């Protein structure tokens, strides 16, 4: 039964992805071009970073941060993906009623999305880590171990998300298993030299000391498969969601002004995926701040590490905004009115909900360490542009109820983010070189991003209306 189930679900998900690509062929071609060009850019970035870090690689804090920073971001991504995993009923009534185990159903739902994600991410990640290891005068296999360690953090984040879901649904046994596993992770990491990295610590030891890379590769690869298996087991035994209790209705807005923003906020913040992704973003971001503070990294490293880590989880609200509004298109888009006003309100709400977790993390980082106004301004611009990119990605691949659709939204976000980063890297330095003030360039980029996101939402709404 498992092989036919995998084949049937894979065909359905591939048809949906192909339909999304056919609906936006230019966006699909641009995403493919970026995916092909990204490994080349990652090779240059890895070589440049390795050259900068070569002199300080002997410090435990530096070698640990090489893996801990990307691993935190990967854990946030895993947490967000675990939240998007649908119930068995998402497979359809006939398949859901088939005599197959819940584990098989979880694997079937995730097979195509995870495979597609690996095709997009793995070449760029491997190019970055191998070029970094080579620039650090280490064996290329050390870069492979580093890449496997970063990928292993993805199911680790999913396991933590399952633990939080179990605790929120009063499944004490599963929550206790996750807590026990977390403690075992820390004890094993302590024995290997880095409590926060757990069994992934040999990858940093190989980079720092230049030892044989194959034990580190084996540890990272084994951790990846074990953590993935544990996440599948936990996801298959995920407790049912509690039925919502009926509460009293409250009129939030009086009059017409502010109706749209408040309504969009209410639609987004009541979603379980947005709630858990935002909470996880804050938790992992504060973990990044604590990690940088314990390692005694100089300012503004705690601020930058915490906010950049939290941003990856906070963008879920922006990714979902178009799909949420189009889900109620019979109300919003059938009424006589200007879609521009709806789009502007949606972008403003996406920016607010994405910024709140990052602001909380940044405030905690400033209390622990410090940050210059330049660093704060840079993070503010990155958050603004990331929100705009996420909104556009949600238009290209709308955020819906299945893991395949939501992973395609993440893939679109990654591709558009890489293209935007390359464009900003080309345009911004040239504007500064001709005499434009940094503040003017930053404001111009933010305005261009907001205009692009608003225009994309308008086109998406008009397409849904027609």
Foldseek 3Di string as FASTA:
>chain_A
DLVVLLVVLLVVLVVLVVVLCVVPVVLVVLLVVLLVCLQVVLLVVLLVVLLVCLVVLQAPLVLVCVQPLLLLLLLLQLLLLLLLAFDLCVSDDVRSPDPDALLSSSCSQCVNLVVVVCSRPVSNQLSNQLSNLVSSVAHSLLSVLSSLLSLLSNLVSLLVNLLVLCVVQVVVVSVVVSVVVLVQQQVQCVVLPHSVSRLLSVSSVCSNVVDDNVVSNVSSNVSSVVSVVVSSVSSSVRDDDDDDDDDDDDDPDDDDPPPLLVVLLVLQCVRPSQVSLLVSLLVSLLVQLVSCVVSVPAPPRNLVSSLVSSLSSQLVSLLASLVSCLVVLVPVLQDDDALLVNLLSSLVNSLVSSVVSSVVSNVVSCVSHRYDPVVVLVSSLVSLLLSLLSLLLCLSQPDDNGSSSVSSSVSSSVSSVSVVVVVCVVPVVVCVVVPDDPVVSSVVSSVVSSVNSSVSSSVSSVVSSD
